[in-house]
Amino acid sequence: MRAFVMIRQYALTYSELAGKIKELEQKYDKQFADVYEAMDFLIGEKQKQIDFEKRKKIGFKKE
């Protein structure tokens, strides 16, 4: 855990490395935009299903 904290602090203070990391993030964000969109769609569909199941039901109720 300490190693990751130290690497993060090093990356934040080292501007060239931070720039390269940002460049890589942008590159992979563009490549995986469709994956992110699909994940958001699936999460939204799951939420719609949950909302549908929890809705107040109307109409004739059989006792």
N, C-alpha and C. Protein backbone atom coordinates (compact mmCIF):
# COMPACT_ATOMS: atom_id res chain seq x y z
N MET A 1 0.83 -1.18 0.00
CA MET A 1 0.00 0.00 0.00
C MET A 1 0.87 1.25 0.00
N ARG A 2 1.89 1.26 0.79
CA ARG A 2 2.79 2.42 0.85
C ARG A 2 3.46 2.66 -0.48
N ALA A 3 3.79 1.57 -1.19
CA ALA A 3 4.45 1.71 -2.48
C ALA A 3 3.54 2.44 -3.47
N PHE A 4 2.25 2.09 -3.47
CA PHE A 4 1.32 2.75 -4.39
C PHE A 4 1.15 4.22 -4.04
N VAL A 5 1.12 4.53 -2.77
CA VAL A 5 1.01 5.93 -2.34
C VAL A 5 2.25 6.70 -2.78
N MET A 6 3.41 6.11 -2.62
CA MET A 6 4.65 6.77 -3.02
C MET A 6 4.71 6.96 -4.54
N ILE A 7 4.26 5.95 -5.29
CA ILE A 7 4.24 6.07 -6.75
C ILE A 7 3.28 7.16 -7.18
N ARG A 8 2.13 7.22 -6.54
CA ARG A 8 1.16 8.26 -6.87
C ARG A 8 1.73 9.65 -6.57
N GLN A 9 2.35 9.81 -5.42
CA GLN A 9 2.95 11.09 -5.08
C GLN A 9 4.05 11.45 -6.06
N TYR A 10 4.86 10.49 -6.45
CA TYR A 10 5.92 10.71 -7.42
C TYR A 10 5.34 11.13 -8.76
N ALA A 11 4.26 10.44 -9.17
CA ALA A 11 3.64 10.76 -10.46
C ALA A 11 3.03 12.15 -10.45
N LEU A 12 2.47 12.56 -9.34
CA LEU A 12 1.86 13.88 -9.27
C LEU A 12 2.90 14.99 -9.28
N THR A 13 4.06 14.74 -8.72
CA THR A 13 5.08 15.77 -8.67
C THR A 13 5.94 15.78 -9.93
N TYR A 14 6.02 14.71 -10.65
CA TYR A 14 6.83 14.62 -11.84
C TYR A 14 5.95 14.95 -13.05
N SER A 15 6.07 16.16 -13.57
CA SER A 15 5.15 16.68 -14.58
C SER A 15 5.20 15.90 -15.89
N GLU A 16 6.38 15.49 -16.33
CA GLU A 16 6.48 14.77 -17.60
C GLU A 16 5.75 13.43 -17.50
N LEU A 17 5.96 12.73 -16.41
CA LEU A 17 5.29 11.45 -16.20
C LEU A 17 3.78 11.65 -16.09
N ALA A 18 3.37 12.70 -15.40
CA ALA A 18 1.94 12.99 -15.28
C ALA A 18 1.33 13.26 -16.65
N GLY A 19 2.05 13.97 -17.50
CA GLY A 19 1.57 14.24 -18.86
C GLY A 19 1.41 12.97 -19.67
N LYS A 20 2.38 12.06 -19.55
CA LYS A 20 2.30 10.80 -20.27
C LYS A 20 1.14 9.95 -19.77
N ILE A 21 0.93 9.95 -18.48
CA ILE A 21 -0.20 9.19 -17.91
C ILE A 21 -1.51 9.76 -18.42
N LYS A 22 -1.62 11.07 -18.45
CA LYS A 22 -2.84 11.71 -18.95
C LYS A 22 -3.05 11.36 -20.42
N GLU A 23 -1.98 11.35 -21.21
CA GLU A 23 -2.06 11.00 -22.63
C GLU A 23 -2.56 9.56 -22.80
N LEU A 24 -2.03 8.65 -21.99
CA LEU A 24 -2.48 7.25 -22.06
C LEU A 24 -3.94 7.12 -21.67
N GLU A 25 -4.35 7.85 -20.64
CA GLU A 25 -5.75 7.80 -20.23
C GLU A 25 -6.66 8.25 -21.35
N GLN A 26 -6.30 9.33 -22.03
CA GLN A 26 -7.11 9.83 -23.14
C GLN A 26 -7.15 8.82 -24.28
N LYS A 27 -6.01 8.21 -24.56
CA LYS A 27 -5.94 7.22 -25.65
C LYS A 27 -6.87 6.04 -25.36
N TYR A 28 -6.79 5.52 -24.16
CA TYR A 28 -7.60 4.35 -23.83
C TYR A 28 -9.05 4.70 -23.59
N ASP A 29 -9.32 5.92 -23.14
CA ASP A 29 -10.71 6.33 -23.00
C ASP A 29 -11.39 6.38 -24.36
N LYS A 30 -10.66 6.83 -25.38
CA LYS A 30 -11.22 6.86 -26.74
C LYS A 30 -11.44 5.45 -27.25
N GLN A 31 -10.50 4.55 -26.99
CA GLN A 31 -10.62 3.19 -27.49
C GLN A 31 -11.75 2.43 -26.80
N PHE A 32 -11.97 2.71 -25.55
CA PHE A 32 -12.97 1.97 -24.79
C PHE A 32 -14.26 2.77 -24.58
N ALA A 33 -14.47 3.80 -25.38
CA ALA A 33 -15.69 4.59 -25.25
C ALA A 33 -16.92 3.73 -25.47
N ASP A 34 -16.86 2.82 -26.44
CA ASP A 34 -18.00 1.93 -26.70
C ASP A 34 -18.24 1.00 -25.53
N VAL A 35 -17.18 0.53 -24.91
CA VAL A 35 -17.33 -0.35 -23.75
C VAL A 35 -17.98 0.40 -22.60
N TYR A 36 -17.52 1.63 -22.36
CA TYR A 36 -18.11 2.44 -21.29
C TYR A 36 -19.58 2.73 -21.59
N GLU A 37 -19.89 3.00 -22.85
CA GLU A 37 -21.28 3.28 -23.23
C GLU A 37 -22.16 2.05 -23.01
N ALA A 38 -21.66 0.89 -23.38
CA ALA A 38 -22.41 -0.35 -23.19
C ALA A 38 -22.62 -0.64 -21.71
N MET A 39 -21.60 -0.39 -20.90
CA MET A 39 -21.74 -0.62 -19.46
C MET A 39 -22.78 0.33 -18.87
N ASP A 40 -22.76 1.59 -19.28
CA ASP A 40 -23.77 2.54 -18.80
C ASP A 40 -25.17 2.11 -19.22
N PHE A 41 -25.29 1.62 -20.46
CA PHE A 41 -26.58 1.15 -20.95
C PHE A 41 -27.09 -0.01 -20.11
N LEU A 42 -26.21 -0.99 -19.83
CA LEU A 42 -26.62 -2.15 -19.04
C LEU A 42 -27.00 -1.76 -17.62
N ILE A 43 -26.26 -0.84 -17.04
CA ILE A 43 -26.57 -0.38 -15.69
C ILE A 43 -27.92 0.32 -15.70
N GLY A 44 -28.17 1.12 -16.73
CA GLY A 44 -29.45 1.82 -16.86
C GLY A 44 -30.60 0.85 -17.03
N GLU A 45 -30.39 -0.20 -17.82
CA GLU A 45 -31.43 -1.21 -18.02
C GLU A 45 -31.75 -1.92 -16.71
N LYS A 46 -30.74 -2.24 -15.95
CA LYS A 46 -30.95 -2.91 -14.66
C LYS A 46 -31.74 -2.00 -13.73
N GLN A 47 -31.42 -0.71 -13.73
CA GLN A 47 -32.12 0.24 -12.88
C GLN A 47 -33.58 0.37 -13.32
N LYS A 48 -33.83 0.36 -14.63
CA LYS A 48 -35.21 0.42 -15.14
C LYS A 48 -36.00 -0.79 -14.67
N GLN A 49 -35.35 -1.95 -14.70
CA GLN A 49 -36.02 -3.18 -14.28
C GLN A 49 -36.36 -3.12 -12.79
N ILE A 50 -35.44 -2.63 -11.99
CA ILE A 50 -35.68 -2.50 -10.55
C ILE A 50 -36.82 -1.53 -10.30
N ASP A 51 -36.81 -0.39 -11.00
CA ASP A 51 -37.88 0.60 -10.85
C ASP A 51 -39.22 0.01 -11.26
N PHE A 52 -39.23 -0.78 -12.34
CA PHE A 52 -40.46 -1.40 -12.82
C PHE A 52 -41.03 -2.36 -11.77
N GLU A 53 -40.17 -3.13 -11.13
CA GLU A 53 -40.62 -4.10 -10.13
C GLU A 53 -41.13 -3.42 -8.86
N LYS A 54 -40.60 -2.25 -8.54
CA LYS A 54 -40.98 -1.55 -7.31
C LYS A 54 -42.14 -0.57 -7.51
N ARG A 55 -42.65 -0.45 -8.74
CA ARG A 55 -43.69 0.53 -9.01
C ARG A 55 -44.98 0.18 -8.28
N LYS A 56 -45.82 1.16 -8.10
CA LYS A 56 -47.12 0.93 -7.49
C LYS A 56 -48.02 0.32 -8.54
N LYS A 57 -48.54 -0.85 -8.25
CA LYS A 57 -49.37 -1.56 -9.21
C LYS A 57 -50.80 -1.04 -9.11
N ILE A 58 -51.42 -0.87 -10.27
CA ILE A 58 -52.80 -0.37 -10.32
C ILE A 58 -53.69 -1.44 -10.91
N GLY A 59 -55.00 -1.24 -10.76
CA GLY A 59 -55.95 -2.17 -11.35
C GLY A 59 -56.58 -3.06 -10.29
N PHE A 60 -57.26 -4.08 -10.78
CA PHE A 60 -57.99 -5.01 -9.92
C PHE A 60 -57.00 -5.83 -9.10
N LYS A 61 -57.28 -5.88 -7.79
CA LYS A 61 -56.43 -6.67 -6.90
C LYS A 61 -57.24 -7.83 -6.33
N LYS A 62 -56.78 -8.99 -6.58
CA LYS A 62 -57.44 -10.19 -6.12
C LYS A 62 -56.95 -10.51 -4.71
N GLU A 63 -57.87 -10.73 -3.80
CA GLU A 63 -57.48 -11.01 -2.42
C GLU A 63 -57.31 -12.46 -2.15
